Amino acid sequence: MRKIALWLIAALLIGGGIAMLALREAGPDLIDRLQGEELAPLAGSQRFELDETRTVEVSSENATEGLAVETVFESVEVTREAREDIEIKLTGTYIAPLDTDMPKIRIHKSEGGRLEIDIDRGLTLPHSFTSTNLRLMVKIPESLSGDLELQSVSGAVKLRSPGTAPFEGNVSAGSVSGRVYVEGLEARNLELGSVSGDVEFLGSADQLDVKTVSGAVMLKLTALRGDGRMETTSGTVELTCEAPLNHEIKLTSTSGTLALERPEANVKVLEDRLIEATAGSGKFTLELSTVSGNVSVK
C-alpha cells in the first residue's frame, strides 16, 4: 500500500502540472547537483533552512525489524555503517507558501518493529510545495535486519554499503523521475525501479529485478547467485559480472544492438534481435530486454 500511495501522489502531481517542475529539478545527479545551489524565494512564500538530526536507539529492548524511507520531492541517501543507532538528518532549503510550517522528520514504528521515516510538511500536497533541494540522509547499523524499502517520487535514491557485512533481508529502491544508485551491497532479493531515471547497481544479489521505462540500467555485479531480470523501454541495459554465471541467458531488443561476451556462455540462438545462451550449469535464468536501447552482458 505504501508503494501504491507514492505512485498515486505522482499521478496527482502530473495532473496538477507540478510534476513538470519536479522533473526540471530532478536529474541523474540530483543529490550532488543541488548541493550549494541557491534557491530564490517567490512572491508570497517563505524560506526555510533546515538542519535537523534525530537518532533512534537500536537494542534488544528496542528491536527494529526493517526500515522504510519515503519522500516526494526530496532525495534519499541511506548508508550502512558499523554503528549502534540510526541517525536521520534532514538538510537543505525549502521554499513554500506563507501558511506552511517548517518541514520536519517524521518517525513511526509499526507493531512489527519496522521503522518508517518520511517528512512532515503539515499541509497536504500540492499546496505545500514550491521549491526544495532537501536531502534526507539516514545512517543505519550493519546489524539491522528485516526488509529495506527506499522510495521517492522525483528525488534521487542512493544506498551505500561500504562494509563487508551482507544484508540479511530484501531490498527495494525506486524513484519515479530520479536516479536510483546502490553501491557495495550484498543482498538476498533486490528490486530496483524507475520511470525516467537511470538505475545503477554495484554489488551482489541472490535475486535481482530491475525495471525502468526511459532510463538506462547499469549493473556491475560481483556475483549473481540466482535469477535476474532487467527490463527497460528506451534505455541501454549493461551487465558485467566478476563471478562465473550459471544461467540460461536471454537478450532481446527491438531496435538496438545485442552483445554477449562471456567465456562460459554457449550460444544457442544468435540473431539481430535475440541471443539465447547457456552459461555454466544453466541452473538460473538471466533475462535482459529493451525496446530501443542496446543490451550487453560481459
C-alpha atoms as a PDB file:
ATOM      1  CA  MET A   1       0.000   0.000   0.000  1.00  0.00           C
ATOM      2  CA  ARG A   2       2.854   2.412   0.738  1.00  0.00           C
ATOM      3  CA  LYS A   3       4.299   1.916  -2.766  1.00  0.00           C
ATOM      4  CA  ILE A   4       0.877   2.426  -4.332  1.00  0.00           C
ATOM      5  CA  ALA A   5       0.420   5.664  -2.374  1.00  0.00           C
ATOM      6  CA  LEU A   6       3.627   7.096  -3.812  1.00  0.00           C
ATOM      7  CA  TRP A   7       2.603   6.323  -7.373  1.00  0.00           C
ATOM      8  CA  LEU A   8      -0.817   7.902  -6.737  1.00  0.00           C
ATOM      9  CA  ILE A   9       0.880  11.048  -5.463  1.00  0.00           C
ATOM     10  CA  ALA A  10       2.973  11.154  -8.614  1.00  0.00           C
ATOM     11  CA  ALA A  11      -0.132  10.862 -10.769  1.00  0.00           C
ATOM     12  CA  LEU A  12      -1.817  13.729  -8.899  1.00  0.00           C
ATOM     13  CA  LEU A  13       1.245  15.905  -9.323  1.00  0.00           C
ATOM     14  CA  ILE A  14       1.308  15.274 -13.041  1.00  0.00           C
ATOM     15  CA  GLY A  15      -2.400  16.095 -13.282  1.00  0.00           C
ATOM     16  CA  GLY A  16      -1.847  19.380 -11.429  1.00  0.00           C
ATOM     17  CA  GLY A  17       1.099  20.433 -13.544  1.00  0.00           C
ATOM     18  CA  ILE A  18       3.516  20.319 -10.625  1.00  0.00           C
ATOM     19  CA  ALA A  19       5.370  17.223 -11.775  1.00  0.00           C
ATOM     20  CA  MET A  20       6.963  19.215 -14.606  1.00  0.00           C
ATOM     21  CA  LEU A  21       8.627  21.458 -12.051  1.00  0.00           C
ATOM     22  CA  ALA A  22       9.789  18.426 -10.109  1.00  0.00           C
ATOM     23  CA  LEU A  23      11.193  16.867 -13.283  1.00  0.00           C
ATOM     24  CA  ARG A  24      13.150  20.038 -14.090  1.00  0.00           C
ATOM     25  CA  GLU A  25      14.629  19.996 -10.603  1.00  0.00           C
ATOM     26  CA  ALA A  26      15.405  16.265 -10.750  1.00  0.00           C
ATOM     27  CA  GLY A  27      18.118  14.566 -12.748  1.00  0.00           C
ATOM     28  CA  PRO A  28      20.602  11.697 -12.755  1.00  0.00           C
ATOM     29  CA  ASP A  29      22.858  13.502 -10.270  1.00  0.00           C
ATOM     30  CA  LEU A  30      20.274  15.397  -8.235  1.00  0.00           C
ATOM     31  CA  ILE A  31      21.933  14.864  -4.865  1.00  0.00           C
ATOM     32  CA  ASP A  32      25.319  16.196  -5.968  1.00  0.00           C
ATOM     33  CA  ARG A  33      23.990  18.855  -8.344  1.00  0.00           C
ATOM     34  CA  LEU A  34      21.742  20.601  -5.854  1.00  0.00           C
ATOM     35  CA  GLN A  35      24.317  20.854  -3.107  1.00  0.00           C
ATOM     36  CA  GLY A  36      25.203  24.513  -2.622  1.00  0.00           C
ATOM     37  CA  GLU A  37      22.718  25.854  -5.172  1.00  0.00           C
ATOM     38  CA  GLU A  38      20.786  28.958  -4.134  1.00  0.00           C
ATOM     39  CA  LEU A  39      17.000  28.772  -4.318  1.00  0.00           C
ATOM     40  CA  ALA A  40      15.354  32.179  -4.811  1.00  0.00           C
ATOM     41  CA  PRO A  41      12.181  32.881  -2.801  1.00  0.00           C
ATOM     42  CA  LEU A  42       8.986  33.555  -4.734  1.00  0.00           C
ATOM     43  CA  ALA A  43       6.310  36.191  -4.036  1.00  0.00           C
ATOM     44  CA  GLY A  44       4.054  35.139  -1.179  1.00  0.00           C
ATOM     45  CA  SER A  45       6.462  32.454   0.009  1.00  0.00           C
ATOM     46  CA  GLN A  46       8.864  31.845   2.863  1.00  0.00           C
ATOM     47  CA  ARG A  47      12.274  30.232   3.004  1.00  0.00           C
ATOM     48  CA  PHE A  48      13.358  27.523   5.436  1.00  0.00           C
ATOM     49  CA  GLU A  49      16.976  26.477   6.002  1.00  0.00           C
ATOM     50  CA  LEU A  50      16.835  23.023   7.528  1.00  0.00           C
ATOM     51  CA  ASP A  51      19.445  21.129   9.509  1.00  0.00           C
ATOM     52  CA  GLU A  52      17.630  18.624  11.713  1.00  0.00           C
ATOM     53  CA  THR A  53      19.177  15.473  13.167  1.00  0.00           C
ATOM     54  CA  ARG A  54      17.431  12.726  15.097  1.00  0.00           C
ATOM     55  CA  THR A  55      18.627   9.376  16.390  1.00  0.00           C
ATOM     56  CA  VAL A  56      16.848   6.119  17.125  1.00  0.00           C
ATOM     57  CA  GLU A  57      18.366   3.623  19.534  1.00  0.00           C
ATOM     58  CA  VAL A  58      18.669   0.059  18.311  1.00  0.00           C
ATOM     59  CA  SER A  59      18.933  -2.540  21.082  1.00  0.00           C
ATOM     60  CA  SER A  60      17.461  -5.818  22.250  1.00  0.00           C
ATOM     61  CA  GLU A  61      14.914  -3.832  24.284  1.00  0.00           C
ATOM     62  CA  ASN A  62      14.084  -1.596  21.306  1.00  0.00           C
ATOM     63  CA  ALA A  63      14.290  -4.090  18.450  1.00  0.00           C
ATOM     64  CA  THR A  64      13.979  -2.763  14.902  1.00  0.00           C
ATOM     65  CA  GLU A  65      12.993  -5.110  12.089  1.00  0.00           C
ATOM     66  CA  GLY A  66      13.323  -3.398   8.744  1.00  0.00           C
ATOM     67  CA  LEU A  67      13.313   0.173   7.504  1.00  0.00           C
ATOM     68  CA  ALA A  68      11.107   2.160   5.103  1.00  0.00           C
ATOM     69  CA  VAL A  69      12.088   5.644   3.892  1.00  0.00           C
ATOM     70  CA  GLU A  70       9.718   7.569   1.635  1.00  0.00           C
ATOM     71  CA  THR A  71       9.823  11.099   0.210  1.00  0.00           C
ATOM     72  CA  VAL A  72       8.109  13.034  -2.572  1.00  0.00           C
ATOM     73  CA  PHE A  73      10.487  15.732  -3.858  1.00  0.00           C
ATOM     74  CA  GLU A  74      13.463  15.084  -1.592  1.00  0.00           C
ATOM     75  CA  SER A  75      16.480  12.938  -2.340  1.00  0.00           C
ATOM     76  CA  VAL A  76      17.154   9.941  -0.102  1.00  0.00           C
ATOM     77  CA  GLU A  77      20.571   8.642   0.889  1.00  0.00           C
ATOM     78  CA  VAL A  78      20.961   5.604   3.170  1.00  0.00           C
ATOM     79  CA  THR A  79      24.341   4.325   4.351  1.00  0.00           C
ATOM     80  CA  ARG A  80      25.087   1.118   6.269  1.00  0.00           C
ATOM     81  CA  GLU A  81      27.811   1.607   8.879  1.00  0.00           C
ATOM     82  CA  ALA A  82      29.409  -0.054  11.893  1.00  0.00           C
ATOM     83  CA  ARG A  83      27.270   1.788  14.454  1.00  0.00           C
ATOM     84  CA  GLU A  84      24.775   1.045  17.231  1.00  0.00           C
ATOM     85  CA  ASP A  85      21.985   3.511  16.423  1.00  0.00           C
ATOM     86  CA  ILE A  86      20.116   5.009  13.470  1.00  0.00           C
ATOM     87  CA  GLU A  87      20.885   8.619  12.560  1.00  0.00           C
ATOM     88  CA  ILE A  88      18.401  10.603  10.454  1.00  0.00           C
ATOM     89  CA  LYS A  89      19.379  14.002   9.073  1.00  0.00           C
ATOM     90  CA  LEU A  90      17.323  16.465   7.012  1.00  0.00           C
ATOM     91  CA  THR A  91      19.214  19.361   5.411  1.00  0.00           C
ATOM     92  CA  GLY A  92      18.735  21.901   2.644  1.00  0.00           C
ATOM     93  CA  THR A  93      16.454  24.728   1.574  1.00  0.00           C
ATOM     94  CA  TYR A  94      12.670  24.603   1.377  1.00  0.00           C
ATOM     95  CA  ILE A  95      10.574  27.446  -0.073  1.00  0.00           C
ATOM     96  CA  ALA A  96       6.833  27.204   0.403  1.00  0.00           C
ATOM     97  CA  PRO A  97       3.643  29.287   0.885  1.00  0.00           C
ATOM     98  CA  LEU A  98       3.475  31.623   3.887  1.00  0.00           C
ATOM     99  CA  ASP A  99       0.995  29.450   5.777  1.00  0.00           C
ATOM    100  CA  THR A 100       3.296  26.415   5.644  1.00  0.00           C
ATOM    101  CA  ASP A 101       5.148  25.093   8.684  1.00  0.00           C
ATOM    102  CA  MET A 102       8.802  24.121   8.571  1.00  0.00           C
ATOM    103  CA  PRO A 103       9.228  20.539   7.303  1.00  0.00           C
ATOM    104  CA  LYS A 104      10.488  18.074   9.870  1.00  0.00           C
ATOM    105  CA  ILE A 105      11.489  14.452  10.138  1.00  0.00           C
ATOM    106  CA  ARG A 106       8.648  12.097  10.971  1.00  0.00           C
ATOM    107  CA  ILE A 107       9.390   8.693  12.524  1.00  0.00           C
ATOM    108  CA  HIS A 108       6.923   5.896  13.153  1.00  0.00           C
ATOM    109  CA  LYS A 109       7.496   2.372  14.361  1.00  0.00           C
ATOM    110  CA  SER A 110       4.988  -0.267  13.309  1.00  0.00           C
ATOM    111  CA  GLU A 111       3.763  -3.048  15.558  1.00  0.00           C
ATOM    112  CA  GLY A 112       6.050  -5.457  13.725  1.00  0.00           C
ATOM    113  CA  GLY A 113       9.092  -3.350  14.590  1.00  0.00           C
ATOM    114  CA  ARG A 114       9.628  -1.723  11.182  1.00  0.00           C
ATOM    115  CA  LEU A 115      10.926   1.836  11.353  1.00  0.00           C
ATOM    116  CA  GLU A 116       9.142   4.181   8.924  1.00  0.00           C
ATOM    117  CA  ILE A 117      10.665   7.561   8.052  1.00  0.00           C
ATOM    118  CA  ASP A 118       9.246  10.390   5.966  1.00  0.00           C
ATOM    119  CA  ILE A 119       8.931  14.201   6.005  1.00  0.00           C
ATOM    120  CA  ASP A 120       6.069  16.049   7.685  1.00  0.00           C
ATOM    121  CA  ARG A 121       5.198  19.345   5.970  1.00  0.00           C
ATOM    122  CA  GLY A 122       1.983  19.997   7.901  1.00  0.00           C
ATOM    123  CA  LEU A 123      -0.067  20.516   4.722  1.00  0.00           C
ATOM    124  CA  THR A 124      -1.267  18.166   2.045  1.00  0.00           C
ATOM    125  CA  LEU A 125       0.167  18.270  -1.460  1.00  0.00           C
ATOM    126  CA  PRO A 126       0.231  20.053  -3.818  1.00  0.00           C
ATOM    127  CA  HIS A 127      -0.394  23.349  -1.944  1.00  0.00           C
ATOM    128  CA  SER A 128       2.616  22.970   0.341  1.00  0.00           C
ATOM    129  CA  PHE A 129       5.210  22.640  -2.405  1.00  0.00           C
ATOM    130  CA  THR A 130       7.031  25.490  -4.110  1.00  0.00           C
ATOM    131  CA  SER A 131      10.706  24.603  -4.364  1.00  0.00           C
ATOM    132  CA  THR A 132      13.066  22.313  -2.498  1.00  0.00           C
ATOM    133  CA  ASN A 133      16.563  20.882  -2.504  1.00  0.00           C
ATOM    134  CA  LEU A 134      16.198  18.905   0.711  1.00  0.00           C
ATOM    135  CA  ARG A 135      18.254  15.799   1.419  1.00  0.00           C
ATOM    136  CA  LEU A 136      17.143  13.067   3.785  1.00  0.00           C
ATOM    137  CA  MET A 137      20.212  11.133   4.937  1.00  0.00           C
ATOM    138  CA  VAL A 138      19.904   8.005   7.070  1.00  0.00           C
ATOM    139  CA  LYS A 139      22.777   6.052   8.618  1.00  0.00           C
ATOM    140  CA  ILE A 140      21.877   2.553   9.770  1.00  0.00           C
ATOM    141  CA  PRO A 141      23.846  -0.155  11.611  1.00  0.00           C
ATOM    142  CA  GLU A 142      25.112  -3.084   9.575  1.00  0.00           C
ATOM    143  CA  SER A 143      23.382  -5.355  12.074  1.00  0.00           C
ATOM    144  CA  LEU A 144      19.928  -4.023  11.132  1.00  0.00           C
ATOM    145  CA  SER A 145      17.749  -6.895   9.913  1.00  0.00           C
ATOM    146  CA  GLY A 146      14.442  -7.078   8.098  1.00  0.00           C
ATOM    147  CA  ASP A 147      13.438  -5.606   4.758  1.00  0.00           C
ATOM    148  CA  LEU A 148      14.722  -2.276   3.472  1.00  0.00           C
ATOM    149  CA  GLU A 149      12.464  -0.088   1.313  1.00  0.00           C
ATOM    150  CA  LEU A 150      13.512   3.286  -0.158  1.00  0.00           C
ATOM    151  CA  GLN A 151      11.119   5.302  -2.313  1.00  0.00           C
ATOM    152  CA  SER A 152      10.941   8.816  -3.772  1.00  0.00           C
ATOM    153  CA  VAL A 153       8.771  10.415  -6.440  1.00  0.00           C
ATOM    154  CA  SER A 154      11.106  12.978  -8.015  1.00  0.00           C
ATOM    155  CA  GLY A 155      14.195  12.727  -5.817  1.00  0.00           C
ATOM    156  CA  ALA A 156      17.242  10.559  -6.295  1.00  0.00           C
ATOM    157  CA  VAL A 157      17.632   7.427  -4.163  1.00  0.00           C
ATOM    158  CA  LYS A 158      21.057   6.217  -3.019  1.00  0.00           C
ATOM    159  CA  LEU A 159      22.005   3.230  -0.881  1.00  0.00           C
ATOM    160  CA  ARG A 160      25.621   2.650   0.092  1.00  0.00           C
ATOM    161  CA  SER A 161      27.061  -0.314   1.956  1.00  0.00           C
ATOM    162  CA  PRO A 162      30.842   0.216   2.156  1.00  0.00           C
ATOM    163  CA  GLY A 163      31.424  -2.533   4.729  1.00  0.00           C
ATOM    164  CA  THR A 164      31.675  -6.278   4.208  1.00  0.00           C
ATOM    165  CA  ALA A 165      28.636  -7.413   6.217  1.00  0.00           C
ATOM    166  CA  PRO A 166      25.894  -8.802   3.923  1.00  0.00           C
ATOM    167  CA  PHE A 167      22.362  -7.501   4.352  1.00  0.00           C
ATOM    168  CA  GLU A 168      20.145 -10.336   5.549  1.00  0.00           C
ATOM    169  CA  GLY A 169      16.908  -9.079   4.064  1.00  0.00           C
ATOM    170  CA  ASN A 170      15.067  -7.978   0.956  1.00  0.00           C
ATOM    171  CA  VAL A 171      15.839  -4.569  -0.553  1.00  0.00           C
ATOM    172  CA  SER A 172      13.687  -2.399  -2.809  1.00  0.00           C
ATOM    173  CA  ALA A 173      14.640   1.080  -4.043  1.00  0.00           C
ATOM    174  CA  GLY A 174      12.738   3.189  -6.537  1.00  0.00           C
ATOM    175  CA  SER A 175      12.030   6.665  -7.860  1.00  0.00           C
ATOM    176  CA  VAL A 176       9.610   7.939 -10.481  1.00  0.00           C
ATOM    177  CA  SER A 177      11.878  10.545 -12.082  1.00  0.00           C
ATOM    178  CA  GLY A 178      15.067  10.381 -10.008  1.00  0.00           C
ATOM    179  CA  ARG A 179      18.199   8.305 -10.287  1.00  0.00           C
ATOM    180  CA  VAL A 180      18.493   5.069  -8.290  1.00  0.00           C
ATOM    181  CA  TYR A 181      22.010   4.124  -7.179  1.00  0.00           C
ATOM    182  CA  VAL A 182      23.002   1.174  -4.971  1.00  0.00           C
ATOM    183  CA  GLU A 183      26.664   0.517  -4.185  1.00  0.00           C
ATOM    184  CA  GLY A 184      28.549  -2.173  -2.291  1.00  0.00           C
ATOM    185  CA  LEU A 185      25.506  -4.137  -1.213  1.00  0.00           C
ATOM    186  CA  GLU A 186      25.430  -7.913  -0.805  1.00  0.00           C
ATOM    187  CA  ALA A 187      21.717  -8.662  -0.702  1.00  0.00           C
ATOM    188  CA  ARG A 188      19.254 -11.521  -0.908  1.00  0.00           C
ATOM    189  CA  ASN A 189      16.395 -10.224  -3.054  1.00  0.00           C
ATOM    190  CA  LEU A 190      16.993  -6.840  -4.677  1.00  0.00           C
ATOM    191  CA  GLU A 191      14.321  -4.885  -6.556  1.00  0.00           C
ATOM    192  CA  LEU A 192      15.196  -1.585  -8.267  1.00  0.00           C
ATOM    193  CA  GLY A 193      12.948   0.597 -10.398  1.00  0.00           C
ATOM    194  CA  SER A 194      12.471   3.996 -12.013  1.00  0.00           C
ATOM    195  CA  VAL A 195      10.250   5.536 -14.670  1.00  0.00           C
ATOM    196  CA  SER A 196      12.534   8.163 -16.204  1.00  0.00           C
ATOM    197  CA  GLY A 197      15.694   7.909 -14.097  1.00  0.00           C
ATOM    198  CA  ASP A 198      18.752   5.724 -14.531  1.00  0.00           C
ATOM    199  CA  VAL A 199      19.356   2.690 -12.326  1.00  0.00           C
ATOM    200  CA  GLU A 200      22.863   1.628 -11.294  1.00  0.00           C
ATOM    201  CA  PHE A 201      23.847  -1.248  -9.015  1.00  0.00           C
ATOM    202  CA  LEU A 202      27.297  -2.296  -7.821  1.00  0.00           C
ATOM    203  CA  GLY A 203      27.296  -5.415  -5.661  1.00  0.00           C
ATOM    204  CA  SER A 204      25.845  -8.924  -5.495  1.00  0.00           C
ATOM    205  CA  ALA A 205      22.427 -10.482  -5.002  1.00  0.00           C
ATOM    206  CA  ASP A 206      20.628 -13.806  -4.765  1.00  0.00           C
ATOM    207  CA  GLN A 207      17.722 -12.477  -6.852  1.00  0.00           C
ATOM    208  CA  LEU A 208      17.755  -9.297  -8.935  1.00  0.00           C
ATOM    209  CA  ASP A 209      14.851  -7.480 -10.602  1.00  0.00           C
ATOM    210  CA  VAL A 210      15.395  -4.103 -12.319  1.00  0.00           C
ATOM    211  CA  LYS A 211      12.827  -2.148 -14.331  1.00  0.00           C
ATOM    212  CA  THR A 212      12.773   1.314 -15.928  1.00  0.00           C
ATOM    213  CA  VAL A 213      10.795   2.964 -18.716  1.00  0.00           C
ATOM    214  CA  SER A 214      13.169   5.509 -20.236  1.00  0.00           C
ATOM    215  CA  GLY A 215      16.232   5.205 -18.026  1.00  0.00           C
ATOM    216  CA  ALA A 216      19.430   3.266 -18.544  1.00  0.00           C
ATOM    217  CA  VAL A 217      20.289   0.189 -16.465  1.00  0.00           C
ATOM    218  CA  MET A 218      23.930  -0.336 -15.452  1.00  0.00           C
ATOM    219  CA  LEU A 219      24.807  -3.381 -13.342  1.00  0.00           C
ATOM    220  CA  LYS A 220      28.325  -4.153 -12.128  1.00  0.00           C
ATOM    221  CA  LEU A 221      27.978  -7.401 -10.215  1.00  0.00           C
ATOM    222  CA  THR A 222      30.488  -9.260  -8.118  1.00  0.00           C
ATOM    223  CA  ALA A 223      28.106 -12.241  -8.258  1.00  0.00           C
ATOM    224  CA  LEU A 224      24.553 -13.194  -9.182  1.00  0.00           C
ATOM    225  CA  ARG A 225      23.564 -16.243  -7.158  1.00  0.00           C
ATOM    226  CA  GLY A 226      20.053 -16.673  -8.570  1.00  0.00           C
ATOM    227  CA  ASP A 227      17.639 -15.389 -11.192  1.00  0.00           C
ATOM    228  CA  GLY A 228      17.999 -11.942 -12.727  1.00  0.00           C
ATOM    229  CA  ARG A 229      15.666  -9.833 -14.847  1.00  0.00           C
ATOM    230  CA  MET A 230      16.478  -6.377 -16.272  1.00  0.00           C
ATOM    231  CA  GLU A 231      13.968  -4.500 -18.389  1.00  0.00           C
ATOM    232  CA  THR A 232      13.676  -1.018 -19.914  1.00  0.00           C
ATOM    233  CA  THR A 233      11.787   0.516 -22.820  1.00  0.00           C
ATOM    234  CA  SER A 234      14.118   3.097 -24.324  1.00  0.00           C
ATOM    235  CA  GLY A 235      17.313   2.842 -22.296  1.00  0.00           C
ATOM    236  CA  THR A 236      20.509   0.845 -22.536  1.00  0.00           C
ATOM    237  CA  VAL A 237      20.997  -2.275 -20.403  1.00  0.00           C
ATOM    238  CA  GLU A 238      24.577  -3.162 -19.426  1.00  0.00           C
ATOM    239  CA  LEU A 239      25.627  -6.016 -17.134  1.00  0.00           C
ATOM    240  CA  THR A 240      29.073  -7.137 -16.053  1.00  0.00           C
ATOM    241  CA  CYS A 241      29.776  -9.887 -13.518  1.00  0.00           C
ATOM    242  CA  GLU A 242      33.075 -10.849 -11.887  1.00  0.00           C
ATOM    243  CA  ALA A 243      31.966 -14.344 -10.850  1.00  0.00           C
ATOM    244  CA  PRO A 244      31.043 -17.046 -13.384  1.00  0.00           C
ATOM    245  CA  LEU A 245      27.407 -17.176 -14.443  1.00  0.00           C
ATOM    246  CA  ASN A 246      25.286 -20.322 -14.187  1.00  0.00           C
ATOM    247  CA  HIS A 247      22.284 -19.087 -16.113  1.00  0.00           C
ATOM    248  CA  GLU A 248      20.076 -19.586 -19.109  1.00  0.00           C
ATOM    249  CA  ILE A 249      20.658 -16.199 -20.749  1.00  0.00           C
ATOM    250  CA  LYS A 250      18.232 -14.338 -22.988  1.00  0.00           C
ATOM    251  CA  LEU A 251      18.921 -10.922 -24.542  1.00  0.00           C
ATOM    252  CA  THR A 252      16.289  -9.079 -26.600  1.00  0.00           C
ATOM    253  CA  SER A 253      15.989  -5.664 -28.257  1.00  0.00           C
ATOM    254  CA  THR A 254      13.613  -4.360 -30.922  1.00  0.00           C
ATOM    255  CA  SER A 255      15.870  -1.734 -32.491  1.00  0.00           C
ATOM    256  CA  GLY A 256      19.126  -1.821 -30.503  1.00  0.00           C
ATOM    257  CA  THR A 257      22.237  -3.979 -30.691  1.00  0.00           C
ATOM    258  CA  LEU A 258      22.933  -7.107 -28.624  1.00  0.00           C
ATOM    259  CA  ALA A 259      26.283  -8.237 -27.236  1.00  0.00           C
ATOM    260  CA  LEU A 260      27.166 -11.327 -25.178  1.00  0.00           C
ATOM    261  CA  GLU A 261      30.831 -11.658 -24.222  1.00  0.00           C
ATOM    262  CA  ARG A 262      31.110 -14.382 -21.583  1.00  0.00           C
ATOM    263  CA  PRO A 263      33.650 -17.199 -21.986  1.00  0.00           C
ATOM    264  CA  GLU A 264      31.410 -19.683 -20.135  1.00  0.00           C
ATOM    265  CA  ALA A 265      28.391 -18.945 -22.365  1.00  0.00           C
ATOM    266  CA  ASN A 266      27.391 -21.485 -25.012  1.00  0.00           C
ATOM    267  CA  VAL A 267      25.347 -19.558 -27.585  1.00  0.00           C
ATOM    268  CA  LYS A 268      22.308 -21.451 -28.915  1.00  0.00           C
ATOM    269  CA  VAL A 269      20.464 -18.670 -30.783  1.00  0.00           C
ATOM    270  CA  LEU A 270      22.237 -15.705 -32.389  1.00  0.00           C
ATOM    271  CA  GLU A 271      20.017 -13.233 -34.222  1.00  0.00           C
ATOM    272  CA  ASP A 272      19.852  -9.457 -34.653  1.00  0.00           C
ATOM    273  CA  ARG A 273      17.088  -9.103 -32.067  1.00  0.00           C
ATOM    274  CA  LEU A 274      17.632 -12.205 -29.924  1.00  0.00           C
ATOM    275  CA  ILE A 275      20.502 -14.038 -28.261  1.00  0.00           C
ATOM    276  CA  GLU A 276      19.988 -17.181 -26.190  1.00  0.00           C
ATOM    277  CA  ALA A 277      22.814 -18.995 -24.425  1.00  0.00           C
ATOM    278  CA  THR A 278      23.637 -21.308 -21.534  1.00  0.00           C
ATOM    279  CA  ALA A 279      26.339 -20.251 -19.087  1.00  0.00           C
ATOM    280  CA  GLY A 280      27.817 -22.789 -16.699  1.00  0.00           C
ATOM    281  CA  SER A 281      25.222 -25.147 -15.238  1.00  0.00           C
ATOM    282  CA  GLY A 282      22.290 -23.085 -16.529  1.00  0.00           C
ATOM    283  CA  LYS A 283      20.594 -23.517 -13.157  1.00  0.00           C
ATOM    284  CA  PHE A 284      19.156 -19.985 -13.087  1.00  0.00           C
ATOM    285  CA  THR A 285      17.636 -17.566 -15.604  1.00  0.00           C
ATOM    286  CA  LEU A 286      19.023 -14.200 -16.702  1.00  0.00           C
ATOM    287  CA  GLU A 287      16.908 -12.008 -18.976  1.00  0.00           C
ATOM    288  CA  LEU A 288      17.783  -8.550 -20.289  1.00  0.00           C
ATOM    289  CA  SER A 289      15.412  -6.707 -22.603  1.00  0.00           C
ATOM    290  CA  THR A 290      14.823  -3.275 -24.113  1.00  0.00           C
ATOM    291  CA  VAL A 291      12.818  -1.855 -26.986  1.00  0.00           C
ATOM    292  CA  SER A 292      15.046   0.870 -28.421  1.00  0.00           C
ATOM    293  CA  GLY A 293      18.293   0.574 -26.441  1.00  0.00           C
ATOM    294  CA  ASN A 294      21.351  -1.643 -26.603  1.00  0.00           C
ATOM    295  CA  VAL A 295      21.861  -4.729 -24.416  1.00  0.00           C
ATOM    296  CA  SER A 296      25.213  -6.170 -23.353  1.00  0.00           C
ATOM    297  CA  VAL A 297      26.443  -8.863 -20.958  1.00  0.00           C
ATOM    298  CA  LYS A 298      30.187  -9.026 -20.323  1.00  0.00           C
END
